[in-house]
Structure formats: C-alpha cells, structure tokens
C-alpha cells in the first residue's frame, strides 16, 4: 500500500483534467484535486507534479502549488489570524488556516501576535494541526 504524506510535498501523476482543475493520483488515498487556478500552464495527463497535500474546509484531500510556511514535522513562528470555539488559527500561506486546538496552547494567545509552533497530523482526527507545547 502506498499512501500520500499529508501535510508534506508529494510527487503525483496527473490523471485527468476537469473544468475546475486536475485530478492527481493519490494512490490508496484516492484522487486529489489541484484547483484550476494552480494548474501550471501546459500540464497534461501523465505529467508529474510536486504538490503540497492538505485537507480543505470539507476535510477533502486537496493539492496546492502554493508554498506553506510550515509542513508536518517542522517548527515555525506563525501569526495568529483568528480564534473560535475550536481553537486558534494561524496564517500558514494556504487558503485554510492552521488550527492550534485549545489543549495545545501554552497561554492565552492574541490575534496578530506570532507564536512558535510545531506542525503534526492529529492521530484521532487525521487533520493537520499545530501545537505551542514544544518543550
């Protein structure tokens, strides 16, 4: 079985074009969409693309050619964008912000401030998240 590395770059083959982008071969994890606005000009079926894979707002696998400020397994100092009932959300250079669950925060954090965090995949939810508990 070959799986995609969530929260990291993957070399994926272009399977087919659709009106809203291209589908990439996600192997055992299923097809992964690269939105039309990010498809390099001249891309054809059978080409290989280096893409970052994460989950969109509906928790579907999605690829991007954008460069995130942090990947799973890395540390970075990121700006806090907003907070809601689920946690705090950091700007990491992608359309969907990176969550820091309340249980992973060391202190009360403030919008606009920057925090050193570690990025990981939550084993229970299979979502990319960050923690400020990095001792």
N, C-alpha and C. Protein backbone atom coordinates (compact mmCIF):
# COMPACT_ATOMS: atom_id res chain seq x y z
N UNK A 1 0.85 -1.18 0.00
CA UNK A 1 0.00 0.00 0.00
C UNK A 1 0.89 1.25 0.00
N UNK A 2 0.52 2.18 -0.84
CA UNK A 2 1.27 3.42 -0.93
C UNK A 2 0.35 4.59 -0.58
N UNK A 3 0.73 5.34 0.46
CA UNK A 3 -0.11 6.43 0.94
C UNK A 3 0.53 7.79 0.69
N UNK A 4 -0.31 8.79 0.60
CA UNK A 4 0.11 10.17 0.45
C UNK A 4 0.61 10.68 1.80
N UNK A 5 1.60 11.55 1.78
CA UNK A 5 2.11 12.18 3.00
C UNK A 5 1.32 13.47 3.22
N UNK A 6 0.34 13.43 4.10
CA UNK A 6 -0.48 14.59 4.41
C UNK A 6 0.38 15.65 5.10
N UNK A 7 0.23 16.90 4.64
CA UNK A 7 0.98 17.99 5.24
C UNK A 7 2.41 18.08 4.75
N UNK A 8 2.70 17.42 3.64
CA UNK A 8 4.04 17.43 3.04
C UNK A 8 3.92 17.48 1.52
N UNK A 9 5.06 17.66 0.86
CA UNK A 9 5.09 17.62 -0.60
C UNK A 9 5.08 16.18 -1.08
N UNK A 10 4.40 15.95 -2.19
CA UNK A 10 4.30 14.65 -2.82
C UNK A 10 4.47 14.82 -4.32
N UNK A 11 5.12 13.86 -4.98
CA UNK A 11 5.21 13.81 -6.44
C UNK A 11 4.03 12.98 -6.92
N UNK A 12 3.08 13.62 -7.61
CA UNK A 12 1.86 12.92 -8.02
C UNK A 12 1.65 13.03 -9.53
N UNK A 13 1.10 11.97 -10.09
CA UNK A 13 0.84 11.92 -11.53
C UNK A 13 -0.53 12.52 -11.85
N UNK A 14 -0.59 13.29 -12.95
CA UNK A 14 -1.85 13.87 -13.42
C UNK A 14 -2.68 12.76 -14.06
N UNK A 15 -3.91 12.58 -13.56
CA UNK A 15 -4.80 11.54 -14.09
C UNK A 15 -5.71 12.08 -15.19
N UNK A 16 -6.39 13.22 -14.86
CA UNK A 16 -7.35 13.77 -15.83
C UNK A 16 -7.64 15.23 -15.52
N UNK A 17 -8.06 15.93 -16.58
CA UNK A 17 -8.46 17.33 -16.45
C UNK A 17 -9.97 17.40 -16.29
N UNK A 18 -10.43 18.35 -15.49
CA UNK A 18 -11.85 18.65 -15.35
C UNK A 18 -11.99 20.17 -15.44
N UNK A 19 -13.21 20.67 -15.51
CA UNK A 19 -13.44 22.10 -15.67
C UNK A 19 -12.84 22.94 -14.55
N UNK A 20 -12.75 22.37 -13.34
CA UNK A 20 -12.33 23.13 -12.17
C UNK A 20 -10.91 22.79 -11.70
N UNK A 21 -10.15 22.03 -12.52
CA UNK A 21 -8.78 21.70 -12.16
C UNK A 21 -8.33 20.39 -12.77
N UNK A 22 -7.42 19.72 -12.07
CA UNK A 22 -6.96 18.41 -12.50
C UNK A 22 -6.97 17.47 -11.29
N UNK A 23 -7.17 16.20 -11.58
CA UNK A 23 -7.09 15.19 -10.53
C UNK A 23 -5.74 14.49 -10.63
N UNK A 24 -5.14 14.34 -9.45
CA UNK A 24 -3.84 13.69 -9.32
C UNK A 24 -4.03 12.33 -8.67
N UNK A 25 -3.14 11.40 -8.98
CA UNK A 25 -3.22 10.05 -8.46
C UNK A 25 -2.77 10.01 -7.00
N UNK A 26 -3.74 9.87 -6.10
CA UNK A 26 -3.45 9.80 -4.68
C UNK A 26 -3.23 8.38 -4.19
N UNK A 27 -3.00 7.48 -5.12
CA UNK A 27 -2.72 6.08 -4.80
C UNK A 27 -3.84 5.49 -3.94
N UNK A 28 -3.52 4.87 -2.84
CA UNK A 28 -4.53 4.23 -1.99
C UNK A 28 -5.45 5.23 -1.31
N UNK A 29 -5.08 6.51 -1.32
CA UNK A 29 -5.89 7.53 -0.66
C UNK A 29 -6.92 8.18 -1.61
N UNK A 30 -6.97 7.76 -2.86
CA UNK A 30 -7.94 8.29 -3.81
C UNK A 30 -7.39 9.47 -4.58
N UNK A 31 -8.18 9.95 -5.53
CA UNK A 31 -7.78 11.07 -6.37
C UNK A 31 -7.75 12.37 -5.57
N UNK A 32 -6.82 13.25 -5.91
CA UNK A 32 -6.64 14.51 -5.20
C UNK A 32 -6.73 15.65 -6.19
N UNK A 33 -7.57 16.63 -5.89
CA UNK A 33 -7.78 17.77 -6.77
C UNK A 33 -6.69 18.82 -6.62
N UNK A 34 -6.20 19.31 -7.75
CA UNK A 34 -5.39 20.53 -7.81
C UNK A 34 -6.28 21.55 -8.51
N UNK A 35 -6.73 22.61 -7.80
CA UNK A 35 -7.66 23.59 -8.39
C UNK A 35 -7.09 24.24 -9.65
N UNK A 36 -7.98 24.60 -10.56
CA UNK A 36 -7.63 25.14 -11.87
C UNK A 36 -6.65 26.32 -11.77
N UNK A 37 -6.87 27.24 -10.83
CA UNK A 37 -6.02 28.43 -10.74
C UNK A 37 -4.57 28.09 -10.39
N UNK A 38 -4.30 26.85 -9.94
CA UNK A 38 -2.95 26.46 -9.56
C UNK A 38 -2.30 25.48 -10.53
N UNK A 39 -3.04 25.11 -11.59
CA UNK A 39 -2.51 24.15 -12.55
C UNK A 39 -1.50 24.87 -13.46
N UNK A 40 -0.25 24.38 -13.47
CA UNK A 40 0.75 25.01 -14.35
C UNK A 40 0.32 24.93 -15.82
N UNK A 41 0.58 25.99 -16.55
CA UNK A 41 0.23 26.03 -17.97
C UNK A 41 0.95 24.91 -18.70
N UNK A 42 0.22 24.25 -19.59
CA UNK A 42 0.79 23.18 -20.38
C UNK A 42 0.76 21.81 -19.71
N UNK A 43 0.16 21.72 -18.52
CA UNK A 43 0.10 20.43 -17.81
C UNK A 43 -0.78 19.46 -18.57
N UNK A 44 -0.31 18.24 -18.75
CA UNK A 44 -1.04 17.21 -19.48
C UNK A 44 -1.18 15.94 -18.64
N UNK A 45 -2.14 15.10 -19.02
CA UNK A 45 -2.29 13.80 -18.36
C UNK A 45 -0.97 13.04 -18.47
N UNK A 46 -0.58 12.37 -17.38
CA UNK A 46 0.67 11.63 -17.36
C UNK A 46 1.85 12.43 -16.82
N UNK A 47 1.70 13.76 -16.75
CA UNK A 47 2.77 14.59 -16.15
C UNK A 47 2.84 14.32 -14.66
N UNK A 48 3.98 14.63 -14.08
CA UNK A 48 4.18 14.50 -12.63
C UNK A 48 4.36 15.89 -12.05
N UNK A 49 3.68 16.17 -10.94
CA UNK A 49 3.76 17.47 -10.28
C UNK A 49 4.17 17.30 -8.82
N UNK A 50 4.98 18.22 -8.35
CA UNK A 50 5.35 18.27 -6.94
C UNK A 50 4.36 19.21 -6.25
N UNK A 51 3.50 18.65 -5.39
CA UNK A 51 2.42 19.43 -4.76
C UNK A 51 2.39 19.19 -3.25
N UNK A 52 1.92 20.19 -2.54
CA UNK A 52 1.70 20.07 -1.10
C UNK A 52 0.26 19.58 -0.92
N UNK A 53 0.06 18.57 -0.07
CA UNK A 53 -1.27 17.98 0.13
C UNK A 53 -1.76 18.26 1.54
N UNK A 54 -3.00 18.79 1.61
CA UNK A 54 -3.63 19.07 2.91
C UNK A 54 -5.12 18.82 2.78
N UNK A 55 -5.91 19.19 3.79
CA UNK A 55 -7.36 18.99 3.76
C UNK A 55 -8.05 20.33 3.59
N UNK A 56 -9.07 20.37 2.72
CA UNK A 56 -9.83 21.62 2.54
C UNK A 56 -10.87 21.77 3.64
N UNK A 57 -11.74 22.79 3.52
CA UNK A 57 -12.74 23.07 4.56
C UNK A 57 -13.72 21.92 4.77
N UNK A 58 -13.94 21.10 3.75
CA UNK A 58 -14.84 19.95 3.87
C UNK A 58 -14.08 18.67 4.22
N UNK A 59 -12.80 18.81 4.62
CA UNK A 59 -11.95 17.68 5.01
C UNK A 59 -11.65 16.74 3.85
N UNK A 60 -11.67 17.28 2.62
CA UNK A 60 -11.27 16.51 1.44
C UNK A 60 -9.79 16.78 1.17
N UNK A 61 -9.09 15.75 0.66
CA UNK A 61 -7.69 15.92 0.28
C UNK A 61 -7.62 16.89 -0.89
N UNK A 62 -6.70 17.84 -0.81
CA UNK A 62 -6.52 18.81 -1.88
C UNK A 62 -5.04 19.11 -2.04
N UNK A 63 -4.64 19.40 -3.27
CA UNK A 63 -3.24 19.71 -3.56
C UNK A 63 -3.12 21.20 -3.85
N UNK A 64 -1.91 21.72 -3.62
CA UNK A 64 -1.65 23.11 -3.93
C UNK A 64 -0.21 23.25 -4.44
N UNK A 65 -0.01 24.25 -5.28
CA UNK A 65 1.34 24.61 -5.72
C UNK A 65 1.86 25.76 -4.85
N UNK A 66 1.01 26.29 -3.95
CA UNK A 66 1.46 27.33 -3.02
C UNK A 66 2.48 26.72 -2.06
N UNK A 67 3.31 27.57 -1.49
CA UNK A 67 4.32 27.11 -0.54
C UNK A 67 3.88 27.45 0.88
N UNK A 68 3.57 26.44 1.69
CA UNK A 68 3.18 26.71 3.07
C UNK A 68 4.38 27.19 3.89
N UNK A 69 4.11 27.92 4.97
CA UNK A 69 5.17 28.42 5.84
C UNK A 69 5.69 27.34 6.79
N UNK A 70 4.96 26.22 6.87
CA UNK A 70 5.33 25.10 7.74
C UNK A 70 4.76 23.83 7.13
N UNK A 71 5.47 22.71 7.36
CA UNK A 71 4.99 21.40 6.96
C UNK A 71 4.94 20.50 8.19
N UNK A 72 4.24 19.39 8.08
CA UNK A 72 4.20 18.42 9.17
C UNK A 72 5.63 18.02 9.51
N UNK A 73 5.92 18.03 10.82
CA UNK A 73 7.25 17.68 11.28
C UNK A 73 8.20 18.85 11.40
N UNK A 74 7.70 20.07 11.15
CA UNK A 74 8.55 21.26 11.22
C UNK A 74 8.07 22.23 12.29
N UNK A 75 8.98 23.15 12.67
CA UNK A 75 8.69 24.26 13.56
C UNK A 75 8.65 25.54 12.74
N UNK A 76 7.82 26.50 13.15
CA UNK A 76 7.80 27.81 12.52
C UNK A 76 7.17 28.82 13.47
N UNK A 77 7.48 30.07 13.24
CA UNK A 77 6.88 31.16 14.00
C UNK A 77 5.80 31.77 13.10
N UNK A 78 4.53 31.57 13.48
CA UNK A 78 3.40 31.97 12.63
C UNK A 78 2.49 32.98 13.33
N UNK A 79 1.83 33.80 12.51
CA UNK A 79 0.92 34.83 13.02
C UNK A 79 -0.47 34.25 13.27
N UNK A 80 -1.05 34.64 14.42
CA UNK A 80 -2.41 34.21 14.76
C UNK A 80 -3.41 35.06 13.98
N UNK A 81 -4.29 34.40 13.22
CA UNK A 81 -5.27 35.09 12.38
C UNK A 81 -6.60 35.31 13.09
N UNK A 82 -7.09 34.28 13.80
CA UNK A 82 -8.40 34.37 14.44
C UNK A 82 -8.58 33.22 15.43
N UNK A 83 -9.63 33.34 16.26
CA UNK A 83 -9.94 32.34 17.28
C UNK A 83 -11.44 32.07 17.23
N UNK A 84 -11.83 30.80 17.42
CA UNK A 84 -13.25 30.47 17.56
C UNK A 84 -13.40 29.41 18.65
N UNK A 85 -14.54 28.73 18.72
CA UNK A 85 -14.81 27.77 19.78
C UNK A 85 -13.96 26.50 19.67
N UNK A 86 -13.28 26.28 18.53
CA UNK A 86 -12.48 25.07 18.34
C UNK A 86 -11.00 25.28 18.63
N UNK A 87 -10.55 26.52 18.56
CA UNK A 87 -9.14 26.79 18.78
C UNK A 87 -8.71 28.08 18.12
N UNK A 88 -7.41 28.23 18.00
CA UNK A 88 -6.82 29.39 17.35
C UNK A 88 -6.35 28.97 15.96
N UNK A 89 -6.32 29.94 15.04
CA UNK A 89 -5.97 29.62 13.66
C UNK A 89 -4.83 30.52 13.20
N UNK A 90 -3.78 29.88 12.70
CA UNK A 90 -2.57 30.57 12.27
C UNK A 90 -2.52 30.72 10.75
N UNK A 91 -1.94 31.81 10.30
CA UNK A 91 -1.69 32.00 8.87
C UNK A 91 -0.46 31.18 8.51
N UNK A 92 -0.64 30.29 7.52
CA UNK A 92 0.50 29.46 7.10
C UNK A 92 0.69 29.47 5.60
N UNK A 93 0.04 30.45 4.92
CA UNK A 93 0.26 30.63 3.50
C UNK A 93 -0.69 29.87 2.59
N UNK A 94 -1.68 29.17 3.16
CA UNK A 94 -2.66 28.43 2.37
C UNK A 94 -4.05 29.01 2.61
N UNK A 95 -5.02 28.60 1.76
CA UNK A 95 -6.37 29.15 1.89
C UNK A 95 -7.00 28.80 3.24
N UNK A 96 -6.79 27.59 3.72
CA UNK A 96 -7.34 27.17 5.01
C UNK A 96 -6.28 27.40 6.08
N UNK A 97 -6.62 28.13 7.15
CA UNK A 97 -5.67 28.41 8.22
C UNK A 97 -5.38 27.16 9.04
N UNK A 98 -4.25 27.17 9.74
CA UNK A 98 -3.77 26.04 10.53
C UNK A 98 -4.27 26.15 11.97
N UNK A 99 -4.95 25.13 12.46
CA UNK A 99 -5.55 25.16 13.80
C UNK A 99 -4.53 24.80 14.89
N UNK A 100 -4.65 25.52 15.99
CA UNK A 100 -3.96 25.18 17.24
C UNK A 100 -5.09 24.93 18.25
N UNK A 101 -5.44 23.66 18.50
CA UNK A 101 -6.52 23.39 19.45
C UNK A 101 -6.22 24.02 20.81
N UNK A 102 -7.26 24.36 21.57
CA UNK A 102 -7.06 24.99 22.88
C UNK A 102 -6.15 24.15 23.77
N UNK A 103 -6.26 22.84 23.71
CA UNK A 103 -5.43 21.96 24.52
C UNK A 103 -3.96 21.97 24.13
N UNK A 104 -3.64 22.54 22.99
CA UNK A 104 -2.25 22.60 22.51
C UNK A 104 -1.65 24.00 22.67
N UNK A 105 -2.35 24.87 23.41
CA UNK A 105 -1.86 26.23 23.64
C UNK A 105 -1.27 26.31 25.04
N UNK A 106 -0.13 27.00 25.16
CA UNK A 106 0.53 27.14 26.47
C UNK A 106 -0.10 28.26 27.28
N UNK A 107 -0.48 29.34 26.63
CA UNK A 107 -1.06 30.51 27.28
C UNK A 107 -2.15 31.06 26.39
N UNK A 108 -2.89 32.05 26.90
CA UNK A 108 -3.89 32.72 26.06
C UNK A 108 -3.13 33.44 24.96
N UNK A 109 -3.56 33.24 23.73
CA UNK A 109 -2.86 33.85 22.61
C UNK A 109 -3.71 34.95 22.00
N UNK A 110 -3.05 35.91 21.35
CA UNK A 110 -3.71 37.11 20.84
C UNK A 110 -3.59 37.19 19.32
N UNK A 111 -4.69 37.59 18.67
CA UNK A 111 -4.71 37.79 17.22
C UNK A 111 -3.65 38.82 16.85
N UNK A 112 -2.89 38.52 15.80
CA UNK A 112 -1.85 39.42 15.31
C UNK A 112 -0.47 39.11 15.86
N UNK A 113 -0.40 38.42 17.01
CA UNK A 113 0.90 38.03 17.57
C UNK A 113 1.42 36.80 16.84
N UNK A 114 2.73 36.55 16.98
CA UNK A 114 3.37 35.40 16.35
C UNK A 114 3.75 34.39 17.43
N UNK A 115 3.65 33.10 17.08
CA UNK A 115 3.91 32.03 18.03
C UNK A 115 4.75 30.94 17.38
N UNK A 116 5.68 30.40 18.17
CA UNK A 116 6.48 29.27 17.72
C UNK A 116 5.63 28.01 17.91
N UNK A 117 5.44 27.26 16.83
CA UNK A 117 4.61 26.06 16.87
C UNK A 117 5.28 24.92 16.11
N UNK A 118 4.80 23.72 16.41
CA UNK A 118 5.22 22.51 15.72
C UNK A 118 4.00 21.95 15.00
N UNK A 119 4.16 21.55 13.76
CA UNK A 119 3.05 21.04 12.93
C UNK A 119 3.04 19.51 12.95
N UNK A 120 1.84 18.94 13.12
CA UNK A 120 1.69 17.49 13.19
C UNK A 120 0.35 17.07 12.60
N UNK A 121 0.16 15.78 12.39
CA UNK A 121 -1.14 15.23 12.00
C UNK A 121 -1.74 14.60 13.24
N UNK A 122 -2.92 15.08 13.63
CA UNK A 122 -3.62 14.54 14.80
C UNK A 122 -4.02 13.09 14.52
N UNK A 123 -3.61 12.18 15.38
CA UNK A 123 -3.87 10.75 15.17
C UNK A 123 -5.34 10.38 15.27
N UNK A 124 -6.12 11.16 16.01
CA UNK A 124 -7.55 10.86 16.18
C UNK A 124 -8.38 11.39 15.02
N UNK A 125 -8.15 12.66 14.63
CA UNK A 125 -8.97 13.29 13.59
C UNK A 125 -8.36 13.19 12.20
N UNK A 126 -7.07 12.84 12.09
CA UNK A 126 -6.31 12.81 10.84
C UNK A 126 -6.27 14.19 10.18
N UNK A 127 -6.29 15.25 11.00
CA UNK A 127 -6.19 16.62 10.49
C UNK A 127 -4.82 17.19 10.82
N UNK A 128 -4.38 18.10 9.97
CA UNK A 128 -3.14 18.80 10.24
C UNK A 128 -3.42 19.84 11.31
N UNK A 129 -2.56 19.92 12.30
CA UNK A 129 -2.72 20.87 13.40
C UNK A 129 -1.34 21.33 13.84
N UNK A 130 -1.35 22.28 14.79
CA UNK A 130 -0.10 22.77 15.35
C UNK A 130 -0.21 22.78 16.87
N UNK A 131 0.93 22.71 17.52
CA UNK A 131 0.97 22.80 18.97
C UNK A 131 2.00 23.85 19.38
N UNK A 132 1.68 24.58 20.44
CA UNK A 132 2.63 25.51 21.02
C UNK A 132 3.36 24.86 22.19
N UNK A 133 2.98 23.63 22.53
CA UNK A 133 3.63 22.89 23.62
C UNK A 133 4.82 22.13 23.03
N UNK A 134 5.96 22.81 22.98
CA UNK A 134 7.09 22.26 22.25
C UNK A 134 8.32 21.99 23.11
N UNK A 135 8.12 21.96 24.42
CA UNK A 135 9.28 21.76 25.29
C UNK A 135 9.97 20.48 24.94
